[in-house]
PDB file of N, CA and C in Angstrom:
ATOM      1  N   MET A   1     -28.052   0.410  15.757  1.00  0.00           N
ATOM      2  CA  MET A   1     -27.236   1.828  14.616  1.00  0.00           C
ATOM      3  C   MET A   1     -26.539   0.342  14.187  1.00  0.00           C
ATOM      4  N   GLY A   2     -26.145   1.005  12.799  1.00  0.00           N
ATOM      5  CA  GLY A   2     -25.993   0.538  11.290  1.00  0.00           C
ATOM      6  C   GLY A   2     -24.670   0.598  11.649  1.00  0.00           C
ATOM      7  N   PHE A   3     -24.064   1.536  10.421  1.00  0.00           N
ATOM      8  CA  PHE A   3     -22.550   1.762   9.649  1.00  0.00           C
ATOM      9  C   PHE A   3     -22.376   2.918  10.506  1.00  0.00           C
ATOM     10  N   SER A   4     -21.419   2.355  10.998  1.00  0.00           N
ATOM     11  CA  SER A   4     -20.099   3.329  11.954  1.00  0.00           C
ATOM     12  C   SER A   4     -20.734   4.795  12.342  1.00  0.00           C
ATOM     13  N   GLY A   5     -22.605   4.493  12.859  1.00  0.00           N
ATOM     14  CA  GLY A   5     -23.311   5.609  13.947  1.00  0.00           C
ATOM     15  C   GLY A   5     -24.389   6.546  13.405  1.00  0.00           C
ATOM     16  N   ILE A   6     -24.717   5.649  11.683  1.00  0.00           N
ATOM     17  CA  ILE A   6     -25.754   6.542  10.939  1.00  0.00           C
ATOM     18  C   ILE A   6     -26.651   4.996  11.314  1.00  0.00           C
ATOM     19  N   SER A   7     -28.042   5.646  11.538  1.00  0.00           N
ATOM     20  CA  SER A   7     -29.203   4.537  10.944  1.00  0.00           C
ATOM     21  C   SER A   7     -30.021   4.379   9.446  1.00  0.00           C
ATOM     22  N   ILE A   8     -30.292   3.524   9.898  1.00  0.00           N
ATOM     23  CA  ILE A   8     -31.513   3.292   8.887  1.00  0.00           C
ATOM     24  C   ILE A   8     -32.427   4.532   8.310  1.00  0.00           C
ATOM     25  N   TRP A   9     -32.447   4.846   9.273  1.00  0.00           N
ATOM     26  CA  TRP A   9     -33.424   5.792   8.886  1.00  0.00           C
ATOM     27  C   TRP A   9     -32.670   7.431   8.551  1.00  0.00           C
ATOM     28  N   GLN A  10     -31.516   7.854   8.605  1.00  0.00           N
ATOM     29  CA  GLN A  10     -30.216   8.436   8.703  1.00  0.00           C
ATOM     30  C   GLN A  10     -30.134   8.384   7.051  1.00  0.00           C
ATOM     31  N   LEU A  11     -30.135   7.245   6.771  1.00  0.00           N
ATOM     32  CA  LEU A  11     -29.430   6.576   5.289  1.00  0.00           C
ATOM     33  C   LEU A  11     -31.214   6.871   4.418  1.00  0.00           C
ATOM     34  N   LEU A  12     -32.048   6.749   4.791  1.00  0.00           N
ATOM     35  CA  LEU A  12     -33.666   7.048   3.870  1.00  0.00           C
ATOM     36  C   LEU A  12     -33.207   8.235   3.664  1.00  0.00           C
ATOM     37  N   ILE A  13     -33.806   9.343   5.340  1.00  0.00           N
ATOM     38  CA  ILE A  13     -33.715  10.654   4.514  1.00  0.00           C
ATOM     39  C   ILE A  13     -32.520  10.861   4.022  1.00  0.00           C
ATOM     40  N   VAL A  14     -31.566  10.534   4.020  1.00  0.00           N
ATOM     41  CA  VAL A  14     -29.881  11.063   2.745  1.00  0.00           C
ATOM     42  C   VAL A  14     -30.801  10.942   1.689  1.00  0.00           C
ATOM     43  N   LEU A  15     -31.380   9.548   1.061  1.00  0.00           N
ATOM     44  CA  LEU A  15     -31.934   9.097   0.129  1.00  0.00           C
ATOM     45  C   LEU A  15     -32.559  10.122  -0.492  1.00  0.00           C
ATOM     46  N   VAL A  16     -33.714  10.600   0.432  1.00  0.00           N
ATOM     47  CA  VAL A  16     -34.916  11.023  -0.300  1.00  0.00           C
ATOM     48  C   VAL A  16     -34.559  12.256  -0.563  1.00  0.00           C
ATOM     49  N   ILE A  17     -33.800  13.189   0.129  1.00  0.00           N
ATOM     50  CA  ILE A  17     -33.515  14.349  -0.533  1.00  0.00           C
ATOM     51  C   ILE A  17     -32.373  14.195  -1.220  1.00  0.00           C
ATOM     52  N   VAL A  18     -31.336  13.507  -1.841  1.00  0.00           N
ATOM     53  CA  VAL A  18     -30.539  13.920  -3.145  1.00  0.00           C
ATOM     54  C   VAL A  18     -31.747  12.933  -4.182  1.00  0.00           C
ATOM     55  N   LEU A  19     -32.961  12.154  -3.970  1.00  0.00           N
ATOM     56  CA  LEU A  19     -33.893  12.148  -4.857  1.00  0.00           C
ATOM     57  C   LEU A  19     -34.625  13.349  -5.303  1.00  0.00           C
ATOM     58  N   LEU A  20     -35.230  14.196  -4.615  1.00  0.00           N
ATOM     59  CA  LEU A  20     -35.460  15.450  -4.799  1.00  0.00           C
ATOM     60  C   LEU A  20     -34.559  16.313  -5.523  1.00  0.00           C
ATOM     61  N   VAL A  21     -33.546  16.569  -4.986  1.00  0.00           N
ATOM     62  CA  VAL A  21     -32.742  17.328  -5.226  1.00  0.00           C
ATOM     63  C   VAL A  21     -32.077  16.977  -6.872  1.00  0.00           C
ATOM     64  N   PHE A  22     -31.894  15.805  -7.309  1.00  0.00           N
ATOM     65  CA  PHE A  22     -31.289  15.889  -8.518  1.00  0.00           C
ATOM     66  C   PHE A  22     -32.108  14.674  -9.230  1.00  0.00           C
ATOM     67  N   GLY A  23     -33.564  13.973  -9.039  1.00  0.00           N
ATOM     68  CA  GLY A  23     -34.705  13.960  -9.658  1.00  0.00           C
ATOM     69  C   GLY A  23     -33.950  12.445 -10.042  1.00  0.00           C
ATOM     70  N   THR A  24     -34.849  11.484 -10.890  1.00  0.00           N
ATOM     71  CA  THR A  24     -34.731  10.476 -10.869  1.00  0.00           C
ATOM     72  C   THR A  24     -34.301  10.049 -12.177  1.00  0.00           C
ATOM     73  N   LYS A  25     -34.115  10.755 -13.130  1.00  0.00           N
ATOM     74  CA  LYS A  25     -34.192  10.814 -14.140  1.00  0.00           C
ATOM     75  C   LYS A  25     -31.752  11.126 -14.817  1.00  0.00           C
ATOM     76  N   ARG A  26     -32.187  12.175 -13.594  1.00  0.00           N
ATOM     77  CA  ARG A  26     -30.308  12.808 -13.779  1.00  0.00           C
ATOM     78  C   ARG A  26     -29.355  11.149 -13.032  1.00  0.00           C
ATOM     79  N   LEU A  27     -30.324  10.636 -11.917  1.00  0.00           N
ATOM     80  CA  LEU A  27     -29.522   9.806 -10.877  1.00  0.00           C
ATOM     81  C   LEU A  27     -29.015   9.035 -12.324  1.00  0.00           C
ATOM     82  N   LYS A  28     -30.321   8.735 -12.605  1.00  0.00           N
ATOM     83  CA  LYS A  28     -30.116   7.294 -13.758  1.00  0.00           C
ATOM     84  C   LYS A  28     -29.088   7.482 -14.694  1.00  0.00           C
ATOM     85  N   ASN A  29     -28.874   9.016 -14.755  1.00  0.00           N
ATOM     86  CA  ASN A  29     -28.377   9.139 -16.310  1.00  0.00           C
ATOM     87  C   ASN A  29     -26.359   9.204 -15.498  1.00  0.00           C
ATOM     88  N   ILE A  30     -26.766   9.806 -14.625  1.00  0.00           N
ATOM     89  CA  ILE A  30     -25.196   9.795 -13.480  1.00  0.00           C
ATOM     90  C   ILE A  30     -24.587   8.172 -13.363  1.00  0.00           C
ATOM     91  N   GLY A  31     -25.731   7.148 -12.451  1.00  0.00           N
ATOM     92  CA  GLY A  31     -25.398   6.156 -12.648  1.00  0.00           C
ATOM     93  C   GLY A  31     -24.792   4.995 -13.842  1.00  0.00           C
ATOM     94  N   SER A  32     -25.235   5.444 -15.006  1.00  0.00           N
ATOM     95  CA  SER A  32     -25.208   4.764 -16.165  1.00  0.00           C
ATOM     96  C   SER A  32     -24.041   5.640 -17.057  1.00  0.00           C
ATOM     97  N   ASP A  33     -23.256   6.728 -16.550  1.00  0.00           N
ATOM     98  CA  ASP A  33     -22.612   7.561 -16.945  1.00  0.00           C
ATOM     99  C   ASP A  33     -21.259   6.764 -16.078  1.00  0.00           C
ATOM    100  N   MET A  34     -21.020   6.115 -15.124  1.00  0.00           N
ATOM    101  CA  MET A  34     -20.442   5.893 -13.718  1.00  0.00           C
ATOM    102  C   MET A  34     -20.321   4.288 -14.271  1.00  0.00           C
ATOM    103  N   GLY A  35     -21.379   3.772 -14.736  1.00  0.00           N
ATOM    104  CA  GLY A  35     -21.003   2.555 -14.787  1.00  0.00           C
ATOM    105  C   GLY A  35     -20.089   2.183 -16.420  1.00  0.00           C
ATOM    106  N   ASN A  36     -20.200   3.122 -17.352  1.00  0.00           N
ATOM    107  CA  ASN A  36     -20.093   3.451 -18.621  1.00  0.00           C
ATOM    108  C   ASN A  36     -17.691   3.613 -18.663  1.00  0.00           C
ATOM    109  N   ALA A  37     -18.043   4.581 -17.598  1.00  0.00           N
ATOM    110  CA  ALA A  37     -16.350   4.832 -16.894  1.00  0.00           C
ATOM    111  C   ALA A  37     -15.631   3.357 -16.477  1.00  0.00           C
ATOM    112  N   ILE A  38     -16.418   2.708 -15.526  1.00  0.00           N
ATOM    113  CA  ILE A  38     -16.183   1.884 -15.197  1.00  0.00           C
ATOM    114  C   ILE A  38     -15.512   0.807 -16.100  1.00  0.00           C
ATOM    115  N   LYS A  39     -16.647   0.398 -16.968  1.00  0.00           N
ATOM    116  CA  LYS A  39     -16.322  -0.233 -17.630  1.00  0.00           C
ATOM    117  C   LYS A  39     -14.706  -0.212 -18.986  1.00  0.00           C
ATOM    118  N   GLY A  40     -14.719   1.119 -19.007  1.00  0.00           N
ATOM    119  CA  GLY A  40     -13.900   1.914 -19.980  1.00  0.00           C
ATOM    120  C   GLY A  40     -12.767   1.793 -19.593  1.00  0.00           C
ATOM    121  N   PHE A  41     -12.269   1.492 -17.582  1.00  0.00           N
ATOM    122  CA  PHE A  41     -11.085   2.026 -17.589  1.00  0.00           C
ATOM    123  C   PHE A  41     -11.047   0.354 -17.115  1.00  0.00           C
ATOM    124  N   LYS A  42     -11.898  -0.335 -17.114  1.00  0.00           N
ATOM    125  CA  LYS A  42     -11.446  -1.709 -17.357  1.00  0.00           C
ATOM    126  C   LYS A  42     -11.198  -2.651 -18.273  1.00  0.00           C
ATOM    127  N   GLY A  43     -11.549  -2.112 -19.778  1.00  0.00           N
ATOM    128  CA  GLY A  43     -11.255  -2.029 -21.092  1.00  0.00           C
ATOM    129  C   GLY A  43      -9.764  -1.476 -21.302  1.00  0.00           C
ATOM    130  N   ALA A  44      -9.432  -0.200 -20.858  1.00  0.00           N
ATOM    131  CA  ALA A  44      -8.285  -0.213 -21.262  1.00  0.00           C
ATOM    132  C   ALA A  44      -6.980  -0.460 -20.213  1.00  0.00           C
ATOM    133  N   MET A  45      -7.657  -1.121 -19.060  1.00  0.00           N
ATOM    134  CA  MET A  45      -6.088  -1.936 -17.886  1.00  0.00           C
ATOM    135  C   MET A  45      -5.893  -3.379 -18.807  1.00  0.00           C
ATOM    136  N   SER A  46      -7.317  -3.962 -19.252  1.00  0.00           N
ATOM    137  CA  SER A  46      -6.646  -5.091 -19.455  1.00  0.00           C
ATOM    138  C   SER A  46      -6.162  -5.303 -21.258  1.00  0.00           C
ATOM    139  N   ASP A  47      -6.174  -4.049 -22.159  1.00  0.00           N
ATOM    140  CA  ASP A  47      -5.418  -3.861 -23.213  1.00  0.00           C
ATOM    141  C   ASP A  47      -4.040  -3.620 -23.186  1.00  0.00           C
ATOM    142  N   ALA A  48      -4.142  -2.757 -21.591  1.00  0.00           N
ATOM    143  CA  ALA A  48      -2.672  -2.272 -21.280  1.00  0.00           C
ATOM    144  C   ALA A  48      -2.284  -3.823 -20.818  1.00  0.00           C
ATOM    145  N   GLY A  49      -2.634  -4.747 -20.147  1.00  0.00           N
ATOM    146  CA  GLY A  49      -1.593  -5.978 -19.541  1.00  0.00           C
ATOM    147  C   GLY A  49      -1.736  -7.041 -20.745  1.00  0.00           C
ATOM    148  N   GLN A  50      -2.611  -7.119 -21.827  1.00  0.00           N
ATOM    149  CA  GLN A  50      -2.680  -7.827 -23.355  1.00  0.00           C
ATOM    150  C   GLN A  50      -1.312  -7.287 -23.837  1.00  0.00           C
ATOM    151  N   GLU A  51      -0.592  -5.993 -24.501  1.00  0.00           N
ATOM    152  CA  GLU A  51       0.164  -5.855 -24.889  1.00  0.00           C
ATOM    153  C   GLU A  51       1.673  -5.631 -24.238  1.00  0.00           C
ATOM    154  N   LYS A  52       1.193  -5.582 -23.239  1.00  0.00           N
ATOM    155  CA  LYS A  52       2.608  -6.334 -22.312  1.00  0.00           C
ATOM    156  C   LYS A  52       2.457  -8.045 -22.840  1.00  0.00           C
ATOM    157  N   LYS A  53       2.110  -8.238 -22.580  1.00  0.00           N
ATOM    158  CA  LYS A  53       2.290  -9.721 -22.768  1.00  0.00           C
ATOM    159  C   LYS A  53       2.997 -10.140 -23.771  1.00  0.00           C
ATOM    160  N   GLU A  54       2.350  -9.321 -24.779  1.00  0.00           N
ATOM    161  CA  GLU A  54       2.658  -9.362 -26.835  1.00  0.00           C
ATOM    162  C   GLU A  54       4.387  -9.260 -26.795  1.00  0.00           C
ATOM    163  N   GLU A  55       4.491  -8.001 -25.923  1.00  0.00           N
ATOM    164  CA  GLU A  55       5.776  -7.590 -26.027  1.00  0.00           C
ATOM    165  C   GLU A  55       6.580  -8.487 -26.261  1.00  0.00           C
ATOM    166  N   THR A  56       7.332  -8.629 -27.584  1.00  0.00           N
ATOM    167  CA  THR A  56       8.820  -9.549 -27.824  1.00  0.00           C
ATOM    168  C   THR A  56       9.512 -10.052 -26.760  1.00  0.00           C
ATOM    169  N   PRO A  57      10.308 -10.659 -26.165  1.00  0.00           N
ATOM    170  CA  PRO A  57      11.661 -10.965 -25.650  1.00  0.00           C
ATOM    171  C   PRO A  57      13.028 -10.382 -25.991  1.00  0.00           C
ATOM    172  N   PRO A  58      13.349 -10.193 -25.040  1.00  0.00           N
ATOM    173  CA  PRO A  58      14.846  -9.526 -25.334  1.00  0.00           C
ATOM    174  C   PRO A  58      15.690 -10.466 -26.972  1.00  0.00           C
ATOM    175  N   GLU A  59      15.158 -11.814 -26.007  1.00  0.00           N
ATOM    176  CA  GLU A  59      16.707 -12.942 -26.937  1.00  0.00           C
ATOM    177  C   GLU A  59      15.845 -12.605 -28.290  1.00  0.00           C
ATOM    178  N   GLN A  60      14.508 -12.669 -28.567  1.00  0.00           N
ATOM    179  CA  GLN A  60      13.932 -12.432 -30.500  1.00  0.00           C
ATOM    180  C   GLN A  60      14.534 -11.289 -30.945  1.00  0.00           C
ATOM    181  N   LEU A  61      14.155  -9.791 -30.231  1.00  0.00           N
ATOM    182  CA  LEU A  61      14.776  -8.744 -30.657  1.00  0.00           C
ATOM    183  C   LEU A  61      16.366  -9.080 -31.301  1.00  0.00           C
ATOM    184  N   GLU A  62      17.631  -9.320 -30.614  1.00  0.00           N
ATOM    185  CA  GLU A  62      18.596  -9.392 -30.952  1.00  0.00           C
ATOM    186  C   GLU A  62      18.419 -10.468 -31.853  1.00  0.00           C
ATOM    187  N   GLU A  63      17.943 -11.341 -32.515  1.00  0.00           N
ATOM    188  CA  GLU A  63      18.319 -12.766 -33.198  1.00  0.00           C
ATOM    189  C   GLU A  63      17.495 -11.985 -34.190  1.00  0.00           C
ATOM    190  N   SER A  64      16.284 -11.011 -34.536  1.00  0.00           N
ATOM    191  CA  SER A  64      15.853 -10.452 -35.630  1.00  0.00           C
ATOM    192  C   SER A  64      17.060  -8.741 -35.934  1.00  0.00           C
ATOM    193  N   LYS A  65      17.773  -9.129 -35.265  1.00  0.00           N
ATOM    194  CA  LYS A  65      18.944  -7.550 -35.662  1.00  0.00           C
ATOM    195  C   LYS A  65      18.713  -7.240 -37.060  1.00  0.00           C
ATOM    196  N   PRO A  66      19.074  -5.979 -37.330  1.00  0.00           N
ATOM    197  CA  PRO A  66      18.826  -5.483 -39.028  1.00  0.00           C
ATOM    198  C   PRO A  66      20.309  -5.792 -39.366  1.00  0.00           C
ATOM    199  N   GLU A  67      20.036  -5.672 -40.601  1.00  0.00           N
ATOM    200  CA  GLU A  67      21.714  -6.198 -41.248  1.00  0.00           C
ATOM    201  C   GLU A  67      22.721  -4.929 -40.515  1.00  0.00           C
ATOM    202  N   SER A  68      23.910  -5.002 -40.810  1.00  0.00           N
ATOM    203  CA  SER A  68      24.802  -4.320 -40.000  1.00  0.00           C
ATOM    204  C   SER A  68      25.624  -3.163 -41.431  1.00  0.00           C
ATOM    205  N   ALA A  69      25.896  -2.448 -41.022  1.00  0.00           N
ATOM    206  CA  ALA A  69      26.437  -1.247 -41.982  1.00  0.00           C
ATOM    207  C   ALA A  69      27.075  -1.846 -43.258  1.00  0.00           C
ATOM    208  N   ASP A  70      28.127  -2.623 -42.661  1.00  0.00           N
ATOM    209  CA  ASP A  70      29.081  -3.388 -43.855  1.00  0.00           C
ATOM    210  C   ASP A  70      27.787  -4.244 -45.054  1.00  0.00           C
ATOM    211  N   THR A  71      27.150  -4.656 -43.986  1.00  0.00           N
ATOM    212  CA  THR A  71      26.364  -5.530 -45.520  1.00  0.00           C
ATOM    213  C   THR A  71      25.263  -4.446 -45.854  1.00  0.00           C
ATOM    214  N   VAL A  72      24.714  -3.295 -45.660  1.00  0.00           N
ATOM    215  CA  VAL A  72      24.323  -2.690 -46.393  1.00  0.00           C
ATOM    216  C   VAL A  72      24.984  -2.012 -47.341  1.00  0.00           C
ATOM    217  N   THR A  73      25.707  -1.677 -46.975  1.00  0.00           N
ATOM    218  CA  THR A  73      26.842  -0.834 -48.149  1.00  0.00           C
ATOM    219  C   THR A  73      27.485  -2.154 -49.031  1.00  0.00           C
ATOM    220  N   ASP A  74      27.685  -2.993 -48.908  1.00  0.00           N
ATOM    221  CA  ASP A  74      28.222  -4.390 -49.276  1.00  0.00           C
ATOM    222  C   ASP A  74      27.425  -4.021 -50.845  1.00  0.00           C
ATOM    223  N   ASN A  75      26.163  -4.511 -50.135  1.00  0.00           N
ATOM    224  CA  ASN A  75      24.887  -4.876 -51.219  1.00  0.00           C
ATOM    225  C   ASN A  75      24.546  -3.412 -52.143  1.00  0.00           C
ATOM    226  N   THR A  76      25.084  -2.123 -51.231  1.00  0.00           N
ATOM    227  CA  THR A  76      24.663  -1.120 -52.533  1.00  0.00           C
ATOM    228  C   THR A  76      25.286  -1.183 -53.408  1.00  0.00           C
ATOM    229  N   VAL A  77      27.349  -1.941 -53.108  1.00  0.00           N
ATOM    230  CA  VAL A  77      27.590  -1.216 -54.973  1.00  0.00           C
ATOM    231  C   VAL A  77      27.324  -2.899 -55.449  1.00  0.00           C
ATOM    232  N   LYS A  78      27.344  -4.066 -55.172  1.00  0.00           N
ATOM    233  CA  LYS A  78      26.938  -5.177 -55.587  1.00  0.00           C
ATOM    234  C   LYS A  78      25.821  -4.513 -56.703  1.00  0.00           C
ATOM    235  N   SER A  79      24.763  -3.816 -56.120  1.00  0.00           N
ATOM    236  CA  SER A  79      24.027  -3.594 -57.395  1.00  0.00           C
ATOM    237  C   SER A  79      24.551  -2.262 -57.745  1.00  0.00           C
ATOM    238  N   SER A  80      24.625  -1.244 -57.237  1.00  0.00           N
ATOM    239  CA  SER A  80      25.524  -0.706 -58.424  1.00  0.00           C
ATOM    240  C   SER A  80      26.628  -1.102 -59.532  1.00  0.00           C
ATOM    241  N   GLU A  81      27.253  -2.295 -59.154  1.00  0.00           N
ATOM    242  CA  GLU A  81      28.132  -2.928 -60.191  1.00  0.00           C
ATOM    243  C   GLU A  81      26.632  -3.524 -61.394  1.00  0.00           C
ATOM    244  N   LYS A  82      26.176  -4.037 -60.947  1.00  0.00           N
ATOM    245  CA  LYS A  82      25.414  -4.885 -62.097  1.00  0.00           C
ATOM    246  C   LYS A  82      25.019  -4.095 -62.259  1.00  0.00           C
ATOM    247  N   GLU A  83      23.972  -2.363 -62.589  1.00  0.00           N
ATOM    248  CA  GLU A  83      23.477  -1.404 -63.139  1.00  0.00           C
ATOM    249  C   GLU A  83      24.950  -0.743 -64.132  1.00  0.00           C
ATOM    250  N   LYS A  84      25.792  -0.360 -63.528  1.00  0.00           N
ATOM    251  CA  LYS A  84      26.718  -0.201 -64.982  1.00  0.00           C
ATOM    252  C   LYS A  84      26.829  -1.826 -65.570  1.00  0.00           C
ATOM    253  N   VAL A  85      26.708  -2.404 -65.478  1.00  0.00           N
ATOM    254  CA  VAL A  85      27.203  -3.743 -66.905  1.00  0.00           C
ATOM    255  C   VAL A  85      25.992  -3.846 -67.266  1.00  0.00           C
TER     256      VAL A  85
END
């Protein structure tokens, strides 16, 4: 007795029936498509993991905050005064 009550002979019979129904060429294509799908999934998972590692920590985000509104308006006032002169 093999895997949970299925013998080797039963597995061979099922394999022969599958080969007769689908043919070797179609089974080859199905196998390669499944392999490509698994590779794509693994690649997407590793890319997502790398993106998560590359995210900047919150401490660095606070240091690189954009200028406040007051500073921006002061700079625009200064530049408009330079244009008048």
